[in-house]
Amino acid sequence: MNKQEIAQHAARILLDTKSVLINTEEPFTYTSGKIGPTYVDMRRMISFPKERKILMDYAANIIRPLGMDYVAGGETAGIPYAAFLAERLELPMLYVRKKPKGHGRMAQIEGHIEGDNKKVILIEDLLTVGTSQKIFVNALREAGLEIANSFVVFSYDIYPQSKENLDEMGLTLNSLTNWWSILECAKSEGYFDSKTIESFESFLNAPNDWEQNFKQKAS
């Protein structure tokens, strides 16, 4: 399957497992602080073994050619996906905390790192604008690891800040699917009513304007 076919299949899996929510009346608040009518629940996805296997097989095929020495999961939602992929790729796994734990070794990175200049890929469930990735990338580099790639199952791909943040970190993002593929799949297969689809598409085309308009109406 090519990249577009994978994106469509992954989008359908997320829709079929009800891991995608759209609520135009009561929007969601994202980790970045932004709001929008869409939400993808990648924590829910770990409970669907058949569908999860398909997604992780696609992911492993993307990551394998990159020649990684380690996979590192970002706390917390990236940890299970890193574990699934470490098993498939037969690579050692690490996980990275948002901040060092307050006791014991005071570690921010858990696991064992052997040797210098080892290549690691950061695994997270999704990316909105890339704010959380900065914390993890800095910690991995401070530990002496080389990181030029990250992987997420789902990338929002609607905020220009995400590209700016990734470029600033010197990071290439690898992903399976995004909101545009969800929209295409939802439109063609009738997952939502026309009013919901219209608002959803309006948000994707101008997310900051959608957020501002919603706040004005609510005030």
N, C-alpha and C. Protein backbone atom coordinates (compact mmCIF):
# COMPACT_ATOMS: atom_id res chain seq x y z
N MET A 1 0.85 -1.20 0.00
CA MET A 1 0.00 0.00 0.00
C MET A 1 0.88 1.25 0.00
N ASN A 2 0.45 2.27 -0.75
CA ASN A 2 1.19 3.52 -0.73
C ASN A 2 0.76 4.37 0.47
N LYS A 3 1.42 5.51 0.61
CA LYS A 3 1.20 6.35 1.80
C LYS A 3 -0.25 6.82 1.89
N GLN A 4 -0.84 7.20 0.75
CA GLN A 4 -2.21 7.68 0.75
C GLN A 4 -3.20 6.58 1.14
N GLU A 5 -2.96 5.38 0.63
CA GLU A 5 -3.84 4.25 0.97
C GLU A 5 -3.74 3.90 2.45
N ILE A 6 -2.52 3.96 3.00
CA ILE A 6 -2.34 3.71 4.43
C ILE A 6 -3.09 4.76 5.25
N ALA A 7 -2.97 6.03 4.83
CA ALA A 7 -3.63 7.12 5.55
C ALA A 7 -5.14 6.92 5.56
N GLN A 8 -5.70 6.48 4.43
CA GLN A 8 -7.14 6.25 4.34
C GLN A 8 -7.58 5.05 5.19
N HIS A 9 -6.78 3.99 5.14
CA HIS A 9 -7.12 2.80 5.93
C HIS A 9 -7.03 3.11 7.43
N ALA A 10 -5.98 3.82 7.83
CA ALA A 10 -5.82 4.19 9.24
C ALA A 10 -6.96 5.10 9.69
N ALA A 11 -7.37 6.02 8.82
CA ALA A 11 -8.49 6.91 9.14
C ALA A 11 -9.76 6.11 9.37
N ARG A 12 -10.00 5.13 8.52
CA ARG A 12 -11.20 4.30 8.65
C ARG A 12 -11.17 3.51 9.96
N ILE A 13 -10.00 3.01 10.32
CA ILE A 13 -9.87 2.28 11.58
C ILE A 13 -10.21 3.18 12.77
N LEU A 14 -9.72 4.40 12.75
CA LEU A 14 -10.00 5.33 13.86
C LEU A 14 -11.49 5.67 13.92
N LEU A 15 -12.11 5.81 12.77
CA LEU A 15 -13.55 6.10 12.74
C LEU A 15 -14.37 4.88 13.19
N ASP A 16 -13.99 3.71 12.71
CA ASP A 16 -14.74 2.50 13.06
C ASP A 16 -14.65 2.15 14.55
N THR A 17 -13.52 2.46 15.16
CA THR A 17 -13.34 2.18 16.59
C THR A 17 -13.85 3.32 17.46
N LYS A 18 -14.46 4.31 16.81
CA LYS A 18 -14.98 5.49 17.52
C LYS A 18 -13.89 6.21 18.32
N SER A 19 -12.71 6.20 17.76
CA SER A 19 -11.59 6.92 18.37
C SER A 19 -11.55 8.37 17.91
N VAL A 20 -12.44 8.73 16.99
CA VAL A 20 -12.57 10.10 16.51
C VAL A 20 -13.90 10.67 16.99
N LEU A 21 -13.83 11.82 17.63
CA LEU A 21 -15.04 12.49 18.12
C LEU A 21 -15.13 13.87 17.47
N ILE A 22 -16.34 14.25 17.11
CA ILE A 22 -16.59 15.60 16.58
C ILE A 22 -17.78 16.18 17.32
N ASN A 23 -17.57 17.32 17.95
CA ASN A 23 -18.63 18.00 18.69
C ASN A 23 -18.52 19.50 18.41
N THR A 24 -19.38 19.99 17.54
CA THR A 24 -19.30 21.40 17.13
C THR A 24 -19.94 22.34 18.15
N GLU A 25 -20.72 21.78 19.08
CA GLU A 25 -21.40 22.62 20.08
C GLU A 25 -20.55 22.80 21.34
N GLU A 26 -19.82 21.77 21.73
CA GLU A 26 -18.96 21.84 22.91
C GLU A 26 -17.55 21.37 22.52
N PRO A 27 -16.74 22.28 22.00
CA PRO A 27 -15.42 21.90 21.49
C PRO A 27 -14.48 21.40 22.58
N PHE A 28 -13.45 20.73 22.12
CA PHE A 28 -12.45 20.14 23.00
C PHE A 28 -11.28 21.11 23.20
N THR A 29 -10.65 21.00 24.37
CA THR A 29 -9.42 21.76 24.63
C THR A 29 -8.24 20.82 24.49
N TYR A 30 -7.27 21.19 23.65
CA TYR A 30 -6.12 20.35 23.39
C TYR A 30 -4.99 20.66 24.37
N THR A 31 -4.01 19.78 24.41
CA THR A 31 -2.85 19.96 25.30
C THR A 31 -2.17 21.31 25.04
N SER A 32 -2.19 21.74 23.80
CA SER A 32 -1.55 23.01 23.42
C SER A 32 -2.32 24.22 23.94
N GLY A 33 -3.56 24.00 24.45
CA GLY A 33 -4.39 25.10 24.91
C GLY A 33 -5.39 25.57 23.87
N LYS A 34 -5.23 25.14 22.63
CA LYS A 34 -6.16 25.49 21.57
C LYS A 34 -7.46 24.69 21.74
N ILE A 35 -8.51 25.20 21.12
CA ILE A 35 -9.78 24.46 21.15
C ILE A 35 -10.23 24.17 19.73
N GLY A 36 -11.05 23.12 19.60
CA GLY A 36 -11.58 22.76 18.29
C GLY A 36 -12.68 21.73 18.46
N PRO A 37 -13.45 21.49 17.40
CA PRO A 37 -14.59 20.58 17.48
C PRO A 37 -14.20 19.11 17.28
N THR A 38 -12.93 18.84 17.14
CA THR A 38 -12.48 17.49 16.83
C THR A 38 -11.56 16.95 17.93
N TYR A 39 -11.62 15.65 18.12
CA TYR A 39 -10.73 15.01 19.10
C TYR A 39 -10.46 13.59 18.65
N VAL A 40 -9.20 13.18 18.72
CA VAL A 40 -8.85 11.80 18.41
C VAL A 40 -8.30 11.17 19.68
N ASP A 41 -8.91 10.07 20.09
CA ASP A 41 -8.58 9.41 21.35
C ASP A 41 -7.68 8.20 21.07
N MET A 42 -6.37 8.44 21.01
CA MET A 42 -5.44 7.36 20.70
C MET A 42 -5.24 6.43 21.89
N ARG A 43 -5.60 6.86 23.09
CA ARG A 43 -5.55 5.94 24.24
C ARG A 43 -6.61 4.85 24.09
N ARG A 44 -7.72 5.20 23.50
CA ARG A 44 -8.79 4.23 23.27
C ARG A 44 -8.31 3.13 22.31
N MET A 45 -7.51 3.50 21.34
CA MET A 45 -7.09 2.58 20.30
C MET A 45 -6.33 1.36 20.84
N ILE A 46 -5.66 1.50 21.97
CA ILE A 46 -4.85 0.38 22.47
C ILE A 46 -5.71 -0.80 22.89
N SER A 47 -7.03 -0.60 23.01
CA SER A 47 -7.93 -1.67 23.45
C SER A 47 -8.51 -2.49 22.30
N PHE A 48 -8.07 -2.22 21.08
CA PHE A 48 -8.56 -2.92 19.90
C PHE A 48 -7.42 -3.68 19.25
N PRO A 49 -7.18 -4.94 19.66
CA PRO A 49 -5.98 -5.66 19.23
C PRO A 49 -5.86 -5.87 17.72
N LYS A 50 -6.95 -6.21 17.05
CA LYS A 50 -6.88 -6.46 15.61
C LYS A 50 -6.52 -5.18 14.86
N GLU A 51 -7.24 -4.10 15.19
CA GLU A 51 -7.00 -2.82 14.52
C GLU A 51 -5.63 -2.24 14.90
N ARG A 52 -5.28 -2.40 16.16
CA ARG A 52 -3.97 -1.93 16.65
C ARG A 52 -2.84 -2.63 15.90
N LYS A 53 -2.98 -3.91 15.66
CA LYS A 53 -1.95 -4.67 14.95
C LYS A 53 -1.73 -4.11 13.55
N ILE A 54 -2.82 -3.79 12.86
CA ILE A 54 -2.70 -3.24 11.51
C ILE A 54 -1.93 -1.92 11.54
N LEU A 55 -2.32 -1.04 12.46
CA LEU A 55 -1.66 0.27 12.56
C LEU A 55 -0.17 0.12 12.89
N MET A 56 0.15 -0.78 13.82
CA MET A 56 1.53 -0.94 14.23
C MET A 56 2.38 -1.63 13.15
N ASP A 57 1.76 -2.49 12.37
CA ASP A 57 2.48 -3.09 11.23
C ASP A 57 2.84 -2.01 10.21
N TYR A 58 1.89 -1.12 9.94
CA TYR A 58 2.19 0.00 9.04
C TYR A 58 3.33 0.85 9.61
N ALA A 59 3.24 1.14 10.91
CA ALA A 59 4.25 1.99 11.55
C ALA A 59 5.63 1.36 11.50
N ALA A 60 5.70 0.06 11.78
CA ALA A 60 7.00 -0.64 11.76
C ALA A 60 7.62 -0.59 10.38
N ASN A 61 6.80 -0.69 9.34
CA ASN A 61 7.32 -0.63 7.98
C ASN A 61 7.87 0.75 7.62
N ILE A 62 7.34 1.78 8.27
CA ILE A 62 7.85 3.15 8.06
C ILE A 62 9.17 3.34 8.81
N ILE A 63 9.23 2.84 10.04
CA ILE A 63 10.38 3.09 10.91
C ILE A 63 11.58 2.21 10.58
N ARG A 64 11.33 0.96 10.20
CA ARG A 64 12.41 0.00 9.99
C ARG A 64 13.52 0.53 9.05
N PRO A 65 13.19 1.12 7.90
CA PRO A 65 14.25 1.59 6.99
C PRO A 65 15.08 2.75 7.54
N LEU A 66 14.62 3.39 8.62
CA LEU A 66 15.35 4.54 9.18
C LEU A 66 16.59 4.11 9.96
N GLY A 67 16.69 2.81 10.29
CA GLY A 67 17.88 2.29 10.95
C GLY A 67 18.08 2.79 12.37
N MET A 68 17.06 2.69 13.19
CA MET A 68 17.14 3.17 14.56
C MET A 68 17.85 2.17 15.48
N ASP A 69 18.45 2.71 16.55
CA ASP A 69 19.03 1.87 17.60
C ASP A 69 18.09 1.71 18.79
N TYR A 70 17.22 2.72 18.99
CA TYR A 70 16.27 2.72 20.11
C TYR A 70 14.95 3.31 19.65
N VAL A 71 13.88 2.91 20.32
CA VAL A 71 12.61 3.64 20.23
C VAL A 71 12.32 4.19 21.61
N ALA A 72 11.82 5.42 21.65
CA ALA A 72 11.55 6.08 22.93
C ALA A 72 10.12 6.58 22.96
N GLY A 73 9.36 6.16 23.95
CA GLY A 73 7.98 6.61 24.10
C GLY A 73 7.89 7.83 24.98
N GLY A 74 7.11 8.80 24.54
CA GLY A 74 6.88 10.00 25.34
C GLY A 74 5.77 9.78 26.34
N GLU A 75 6.00 10.18 27.59
CA GLU A 75 5.00 10.04 28.65
C GLU A 75 3.72 10.82 28.27
N THR A 76 2.54 10.27 28.49
CA THR A 76 2.28 8.89 28.83
C THR A 76 1.75 8.11 27.63
N ALA A 77 1.04 8.80 26.74
CA ALA A 77 0.32 8.10 25.68
C ALA A 77 1.25 7.46 24.64
N GLY A 78 2.50 7.93 24.57
CA GLY A 78 3.43 7.34 23.62
C GLY A 78 4.04 6.04 24.08
N ILE A 79 3.94 5.74 25.38
CA ILE A 79 4.62 4.57 25.94
C ILE A 79 4.07 3.26 25.39
N PRO A 80 2.76 3.03 25.37
CA PRO A 80 2.29 1.75 24.82
C PRO A 80 2.64 1.57 23.35
N TYR A 81 2.58 2.65 22.57
CA TYR A 81 2.92 2.53 21.15
C TYR A 81 4.40 2.24 20.95
N ALA A 82 5.24 2.83 21.79
CA ALA A 82 6.67 2.53 21.74
C ALA A 82 6.92 1.06 22.07
N ALA A 83 6.17 0.54 23.04
CA ALA A 83 6.33 -0.87 23.42
C ALA A 83 5.91 -1.80 22.28
N PHE A 84 4.78 -1.50 21.65
CA PHE A 84 4.33 -2.31 20.52
C PHE A 84 5.39 -2.32 19.41
N LEU A 85 5.96 -1.15 19.14
CA LEU A 85 6.91 -1.03 18.03
C LEU A 85 8.28 -1.60 18.38
N ALA A 86 8.71 -1.44 19.62
CA ALA A 86 9.99 -2.03 20.04
C ALA A 86 9.95 -3.54 19.87
N GLU A 87 8.82 -4.14 20.18
CA GLU A 87 8.66 -5.59 20.04
C GLU A 87 8.75 -6.00 18.57
N ARG A 88 8.04 -5.29 17.72
CA ARG A 88 8.06 -5.62 16.30
C ARG A 88 9.43 -5.42 15.67
N LEU A 89 10.08 -4.33 16.04
CA LEU A 89 11.36 -3.97 15.43
C LEU A 89 12.55 -4.64 16.11
N GLU A 90 12.26 -5.34 17.22
CA GLU A 90 13.31 -6.00 18.01
C GLU A 90 14.41 -4.99 18.41
N LEU A 91 13.95 -3.88 18.94
CA LEU A 91 14.85 -2.82 19.38
C LEU A 91 14.64 -2.54 20.87
N PRO A 92 15.69 -2.08 21.55
CA PRO A 92 15.51 -1.67 22.94
C PRO A 92 14.60 -0.45 23.03
N MET A 93 13.84 -0.40 24.11
CA MET A 93 12.89 0.69 24.31
C MET A 93 13.30 1.56 25.49
N LEU A 94 13.04 2.84 25.35
CA LEU A 94 13.18 3.81 26.43
C LEU A 94 11.83 4.51 26.59
N TYR A 95 11.63 5.14 27.75
CA TYR A 95 10.54 6.10 27.77
C TYR A 95 10.99 7.35 28.49
N VAL A 96 10.41 8.47 28.05
CA VAL A 96 10.85 9.79 28.50
C VAL A 96 9.75 10.46 29.29
N ARG A 97 10.11 10.92 30.49
CA ARG A 97 9.16 11.66 31.32
C ARG A 97 9.12 13.13 30.89
N LYS A 98 8.03 13.78 31.25
CA LYS A 98 7.95 15.21 30.99
C LYS A 98 8.90 15.99 31.88
N LYS A 99 9.18 15.44 33.05
CA LYS A 99 10.18 16.01 33.94
C LYS A 99 10.75 14.88 34.79
N PRO A 100 11.96 15.05 35.33
CA PRO A 100 12.55 13.97 36.14
C PRO A 100 11.65 13.60 37.31
N LYS A 101 11.58 12.30 37.61
CA LYS A 101 10.78 11.90 38.76
C LYS A 101 11.43 12.41 40.04
N GLY A 102 10.64 12.62 41.05
CA GLY A 102 11.11 13.31 42.25
C GLY A 102 11.75 12.42 43.30
N HIS A 103 12.14 11.20 42.93
CA HIS A 103 12.76 10.33 43.92
C HIS A 103 13.65 9.31 43.20
N GLY A 104 14.31 8.47 43.96
CA GLY A 104 15.17 7.44 43.38
C GLY A 104 16.32 8.05 42.59
N ARG A 105 16.47 7.63 41.35
CA ARG A 105 17.56 8.12 40.50
C ARG A 105 17.28 9.48 39.89
N MET A 106 16.08 10.01 40.16
CA MET A 106 15.68 11.30 39.59
C MET A 106 15.72 11.25 38.06
N ALA A 107 15.43 10.09 37.49
CA ALA A 107 15.58 9.88 36.06
C ALA A 107 14.46 10.54 35.26
N GLN A 108 14.84 11.10 34.11
CA GLN A 108 13.84 11.58 33.16
C GLN A 108 13.67 10.57 32.02
N ILE A 109 14.74 9.81 31.75
CA ILE A 109 14.67 8.76 30.74
C ILE A 109 14.80 7.42 31.45
N GLU A 110 13.84 6.54 31.21
CA GLU A 110 13.86 5.21 31.82
C GLU A 110 14.31 4.19 30.77
N GLY A 111 15.10 3.21 31.22
CA GLY A 111 15.65 2.21 30.33
C GLY A 111 17.17 2.27 30.39
N HIS A 112 17.82 1.54 29.51
CA HIS A 112 19.28 1.46 29.52
C HIS A 112 19.82 1.91 28.16
N ILE A 113 20.73 2.87 28.21
CA ILE A 113 21.39 3.37 27.00
C ILE A 113 22.84 2.91 27.02
N GLU A 114 23.25 2.25 25.95
CA GLU A 114 24.61 1.72 25.87
C GLU A 114 25.32 2.32 24.67
N GLY A 115 26.46 2.97 24.92
CA GLY A 115 27.23 3.55 23.82
C GLY A 115 26.83 4.99 23.55
N ASP A 116 27.60 5.63 22.68
CA ASP A 116 27.38 7.04 22.35
C ASP A 116 26.80 7.19 20.95
N ASN A 117 26.15 8.34 20.74
CA ASN A 117 25.64 8.71 19.41
C ASN A 117 24.71 7.67 18.81
N LYS A 118 23.91 7.05 19.64
CA LYS A 118 22.93 6.08 19.15
C LYS A 118 21.70 6.81 18.61
N LYS A 119 21.12 6.27 17.55
CA LYS A 119 19.97 6.88 16.90
C LYS A 119 18.67 6.42 17.57
N VAL A 120 17.83 7.37 17.91
CA VAL A 120 16.57 7.07 18.57
C VAL A 120 15.44 7.77 17.83
N ILE A 121 14.28 7.14 17.81
CA ILE A 121 13.09 7.78 17.27
C ILE A 121 12.09 7.96 18.41
N LEU A 122 11.53 9.16 18.50
CA LEU A 122 10.54 9.46 19.53
C LEU A 122 9.17 9.01 19.05
N ILE A 123 8.48 8.23 19.89
CA ILE A 123 7.15 7.73 19.56
C ILE A 123 6.12 8.42 20.45
N GLU A 124 5.12 9.02 19.81
CA GLU A 124 3.98 9.57 20.53
C GLU A 124 2.70 9.13 19.82
N ASP A 125 1.58 9.28 20.52
CA ASP A 125 0.32 8.87 19.90
C ASP A 125 -0.11 9.85 18.82
N LEU A 126 0.06 11.16 19.09
CA LEU A 126 -0.38 12.16 18.12
C LEU A 126 0.42 13.44 18.28
N LEU A 127 0.28 14.32 17.28
CA LEU A 127 0.92 15.63 17.34
C LEU A 127 -0.10 16.68 16.96
N THR A 128 -0.24 17.68 17.83
CA THR A 128 -1.10 18.83 17.52
C THR A 128 -0.24 19.96 16.97
N VAL A 129 0.58 20.57 17.83
CA VAL A 129 1.50 21.60 17.35
C VAL A 129 2.96 21.29 17.68
N GLY A 130 3.21 20.22 18.45
CA GLY A 130 4.58 19.82 18.71
C GLY A 130 5.19 20.35 19.99
N THR A 131 4.37 20.97 20.84
CA THR A 131 4.91 21.55 22.08
C THR A 131 5.52 20.49 22.99
N SER A 132 4.81 19.38 23.19
CA SER A 132 5.31 18.35 24.11
C SER A 132 6.57 17.67 23.56
N GLN A 133 6.68 17.62 22.24
CA GLN A 133 7.84 16.95 21.66
C GLN A 133 9.15 17.65 22.02
N LYS A 134 9.10 18.96 22.18
CA LYS A 134 10.32 19.71 22.53
C LYS A 134 10.94 19.20 23.83
N ILE A 135 10.09 18.95 24.82
CA ILE A 135 10.57 18.47 26.12
C ILE A 135 11.28 17.13 25.96
N PHE A 136 10.65 16.22 25.23
CA PHE A 136 11.20 14.88 25.06
C PHE A 136 12.48 14.90 24.23
N VAL A 137 12.47 15.67 23.15
CA VAL A 137 13.64 15.75 22.26
C VAL A 137 14.84 16.31 23.01
N ASN A 138 14.64 17.38 23.78
CA ASN A 138 15.74 17.97 24.55
C ASN A 138 16.33 16.97 25.54
N ALA A 139 15.45 16.22 26.21
CA ALA A 139 15.92 15.23 27.19
C ALA A 139 16.74 14.14 26.51
N LEU A 140 16.29 13.66 25.36
CA LEU A 140 17.01 12.61 24.65
C LEU A 140 18.36 13.10 24.15
N ARG A 141 18.41 14.32 23.67
CA ARG A 141 19.70 14.87 23.20
C ARG A 141 20.66 15.11 24.35
N GLU A 142 20.13 15.56 25.47
CA GLU A 142 20.99 15.75 26.64
C GLU A 142 21.58 14.44 27.14
N ALA A 143 20.90 13.33 26.84
CA ALA A 143 21.39 12.01 27.23
C ALA A 143 22.41 11.45 26.23
N GLY A 144 22.72 12.25 25.19
CA GLY A 144 23.73 11.84 24.22
C GLY A 144 23.19 11.06 23.04
N LEU A 145 21.88 11.02 22.88
CA LEU A 145 21.27 10.29 21.78
C LEU A 145 21.07 11.20 20.57
N GLU A 146 21.14 10.62 19.39
CA GLU A 146 20.87 11.35 18.16
C GLU A 146 19.41 11.17 17.79
N ILE A 147 18.71 12.27 17.62
CA ILE A 147 17.30 12.18 17.25
C ILE A 147 17.00 13.15 16.12
N ALA A 148 16.60 12.58 14.99
CA ALA A 148 16.22 13.38 13.83
C ALA A 148 14.83 13.02 13.33
N ASN A 149 14.22 11.98 13.95
CA ASN A 149 12.91 11.51 13.51
C ASN A 149 11.98 11.30 14.70
N SER A 150 10.71 11.54 14.46
CA SER A 150 9.68 11.16 15.42
C SER A 150 8.56 10.47 14.66
N PHE A 151 7.76 9.72 15.40
CA PHE A 151 6.62 9.04 14.78
C PHE A 151 5.38 9.24 15.64
N VAL A 152 4.27 9.56 14.98
CA VAL A 152 2.97 9.58 15.64
C VAL A 152 1.99 8.81 14.77
N VAL A 153 1.03 8.19 15.41
CA VAL A 153 -0.02 7.54 14.62
C VAL A 153 -0.85 8.60 13.91
N PHE A 154 -1.11 9.71 14.61
CA PHE A 154 -2.01 10.73 14.08
C PHE A 154 -1.39 12.12 14.20
N SER A 155 -1.35 12.84 13.08
CA SER A 155 -0.88 14.22 13.06
C SER A 155 -2.03 15.14 12.65
N TYR A 156 -2.21 16.22 13.40
CA TYR A 156 -3.31 17.13 13.08
C TYR A 156 -3.13 17.75 11.69
N ASP A 157 -1.92 18.20 11.37
CA ASP A 157 -1.61 18.77 10.06
C ASP A 157 -2.51 19.94 9.67
N ILE A 158 -2.86 20.75 10.64
CA ILE A 158 -3.68 21.93 10.34
C ILE A 158 -3.09 23.21 10.90
N TYR A 159 -2.17 23.11 11.83
CA TYR A 159 -1.59 24.29 12.46
C TYR A 159 -0.19 24.56 11.91
N PRO A 160 0.06 25.77 11.39
CA PRO A 160 1.40 26.08 10.88
C PRO A 160 2.48 26.01 11.96
N GLN A 161 2.07 26.18 13.23
CA GLN A 161 3.04 26.12 14.33
C GLN A 161 3.72 24.76 14.41
N SER A 162 3.02 23.71 13.98
CA SER A 162 3.61 22.38 14.08
C SER A 162 4.84 22.26 13.20
N LYS A 163 4.76 22.75 11.96
CA LYS A 163 5.93 22.71 11.07
C LYS A 163 7.04 23.60 11.61
N GLU A 164 6.68 24.76 12.13
CA GLU A 164 7.68 25.67 12.69
C GLU A 164 8.42 25.00 13.86
N ASN A 165 7.67 24.35 14.74
CA ASN A 165 8.28 23.69 15.90
C ASN A 165 9.15 22.52 15.47
N LEU A 166 8.69 21.73 14.51
CA LEU A 166 9.48 20.59 14.04
C LEU A 166 10.77 21.06 13.37
N ASP A 167 10.66 22.13 12.56
CA ASP A 167 11.86 22.67 11.90
C ASP A 167 12.85 23.19 12.93
N GLU A 168 12.33 23.85 13.95
CA GLU A 168 13.19 24.39 15.01
C GLU A 168 13.94 23.27 15.74
N MET A 169 13.27 22.13 15.91
CA MET A 169 13.89 20.98 16.59
C MET A 169 14.77 20.16 15.66
N GLY A 170 14.72 20.44 14.34
CA GLY A 170 15.45 19.63 13.38
C GLY A 170 14.91 18.22 13.32
N LEU A 171 13.58 18.11 13.31
CA LEU A 171 12.91 16.82 13.44
C LEU A 171 12.04 16.55 12.22
N THR A 172 12.14 15.33 11.69
CA THR A 172 11.25 14.88 10.62
C THR A 172 10.12 14.07 11.24
N LEU A 173 8.89 14.45 10.92
CA LEU A 173 7.73 13.76 11.47
C LEU A 173 7.27 12.67 10.52
N ASN A 174 7.10 11.46 11.06
CA ASN A 174 6.52 10.34 10.33
C ASN A 174 5.17 10.04 10.97
N SER A 175 4.13 9.84 10.16
CA SER A 175 2.80 9.59 10.72
C SER A 175 2.01 8.68 9.80
N LEU A 176 0.90 8.15 10.32
CA LEU A 176 0.05 7.29 9.51
C LEU A 176 -1.09 8.06 8.85
N THR A 177 -1.74 8.93 9.61
CA THR A 177 -2.91 9.60 9.05
C THR A 177 -3.10 10.96 9.72
N ASN A 178 -4.11 11.71 9.26
CA ASN A 178 -4.34 13.06 9.76
C ASN A 178 -5.82 13.43 9.59
N TRP A 179 -6.15 14.67 9.96
CA TRP A 179 -7.55 15.09 9.89
C TRP A 179 -8.07 15.16 8.47
N TRP A 180 -7.21 15.44 7.50
CA TRP A 180 -7.67 15.53 6.11
C TRP A 180 -8.12 14.16 5.61
N SER A 181 -7.41 13.12 6.01
CA SER A 181 -7.81 11.77 5.63
C SER A 181 -9.11 11.37 6.34
N ILE A 182 -9.24 11.79 7.60
CA ILE A 182 -10.49 11.55 8.34
C ILE A 182 -11.65 12.21 7.62
N LEU A 183 -11.46 13.47 7.21
CA LEU A 183 -12.52 14.20 6.51
C LEU A 183 -12.91 13.49 5.22
N GLU A 184 -11.92 13.10 4.44
CA GLU A 184 -12.19 12.42 3.17
C GLU A 184 -12.97 11.12 3.40
N CYS A 185 -12.53 10.36 4.39
CA CYS A 185 -13.19 9.09 4.69
C CYS A 185 -14.60 9.32 5.24
N ALA A 186 -14.75 10.30 6.13
CA ALA A 186 -16.05 10.60 6.73
C ALA A 186 -17.05 11.07 5.68
N LYS A 187 -16.56 11.86 4.73
CA LYS A 187 -17.42 12.35 3.65
C LYS A 187 -17.89 11.22 2.75
N SER A 188 -16.94 10.39 2.33
CA SER A 188 -17.26 9.36 1.33
C SER A 188 -18.08 8.22 1.91
N GLU A 189 -17.98 8.00 3.23
CA GLU A 189 -18.65 6.84 3.81
C GLU A 189 -19.75 7.20 4.81
N GLY A 190 -20.07 8.51 4.92
CA GLY A 190 -21.23 8.94 5.68
C GLY A 190 -21.17 8.70 7.18
N TYR A 191 -20.02 8.97 7.79
CA TYR A 191 -19.88 8.74 9.23
C TYR A 191 -20.61 9.80 10.06
N PHE A 192 -20.77 11.03 9.50
CA PHE A 192 -21.41 12.12 10.23
C PHE A 192 -22.43 12.80 9.33
N ASP A 193 -23.36 13.54 9.95
CA ASP A 193 -24.36 14.27 9.16
C ASP A 193 -23.72 15.46 8.46
N SER A 194 -24.44 16.02 7.49
CA SER A 194 -23.88 17.08 6.64
C SER A 194 -23.53 18.34 7.42
N LYS A 195 -24.33 18.68 8.44
CA LYS A 195 -24.04 19.88 9.24
C LYS A 195 -22.73 19.71 10.01
N THR A 196 -22.52 18.54 10.58
CA THR A 196 -21.28 18.26 11.31
C THR A 196 -20.08 18.29 10.37
N ILE A 197 -20.23 17.68 9.20
CA ILE A 197 -19.15 17.67 8.22
C ILE A 197 -18.80 19.09 7.78
N GLU A 198 -19.83 19.92 7.58
CA GLU A 198 -19.60 21.30 7.14
C GLU A 198 -18.78 22.08 8.18
N SER A 199 -19.15 21.94 9.46
CA SER A 199 -18.42 22.63 10.53
C SER A 199 -17.01 22.07 10.68
N PHE A 200 -16.91 20.76 10.58
CA PHE A 200 -15.62 20.07 10.65
C PHE A 200 -14.67 20.59 9.57
N GLU A 201 -15.16 20.67 8.34
CA GLU A 201 -14.33 21.13 7.21
C GLU A 201 -13.95 22.59 7.39
N SER A 202 -14.89 23.39 7.90
CA SER A 202 -14.61 24.80 8.15
C SER A 202 -13.48 24.96 9.15
N PHE A 203 -13.50 24.13 10.19
CA PHE A 203 -12.43 24.15 11.20
C PHE A 203 -11.09 23.77 10.59
N LEU A 204 -11.05 22.72 9.79
CA LEU A 204 -9.79 22.27 9.21
C LEU A 204 -9.17 23.32 8.30
N ASN A 205 -10.01 24.03 7.56
CA ASN A 205 -9.49 25.03 6.62
C ASN A 205 -8.99 26.30 7.30
N ALA A 206 -9.52 26.60 8.49
CA ALA A 206 -9.09 27.82 9.20
C ALA A 206 -9.30 27.60 10.70
N PRO A 207 -8.46 26.76 11.34
CA PRO A 207 -8.68 26.41 12.75
C PRO A 207 -8.64 27.60 13.70
N ASN A 208 -7.73 28.54 13.46
CA ASN A 208 -7.63 29.69 14.36
C ASN A 208 -8.86 30.59 14.23
N ASP A 209 -9.35 30.76 13.00
CA ASP A 209 -10.57 31.56 12.79
C ASP A 209 -11.77 30.87 13.43
N TRP A 210 -11.85 29.54 13.28
CA TRP A 210 -12.96 28.79 13.88
C TRP A 210 -12.96 28.99 15.39
N GLU A 211 -11.79 28.89 16.00
CA GLU A 211 -11.68 29.05 17.45
C GLU A 211 -12.09 30.45 17.88
N GLN A 212 -11.63 31.45 17.15
CA GLN A 212 -11.96 32.84 17.49
C GLN A 212 -13.47 33.08 17.36
N ASN A 213 -14.07 32.59 16.29
CA ASN A 213 -15.51 32.77 16.08
C ASN A 213 -16.32 32.09 17.17
N PHE A 214 -15.88 30.89 17.59
CA PHE A 214 -16.60 30.19 18.64
C PHE A 214 -16.53 30.96 19.95
N LYS A 215 -15.36 31.48 20.28
CA LYS A 215 -15.19 32.24 21.52
C LYS A 215 -16.05 33.49 21.52
N GLN A 216 -16.15 34.14 20.36
CA GLN A 216 -16.97 35.36 20.26
C GLN A 216 -18.44 35.03 20.47
N LYS A 217 -18.90 33.93 19.90
CA LYS A 217 -20.30 33.51 20.05
C LYS A 217 -20.61 33.14 21.50
N ALA A 218 -19.62 32.52 22.16
CA ALA A 218 -19.83 32.05 23.53
C ALA A 218 -19.78 33.16 24.56
N SER A 219 -19.15 34.28 24.21
CA SER A 219 -18.98 35.38 25.18
C SER A 219 -20.23 36.25 25.27
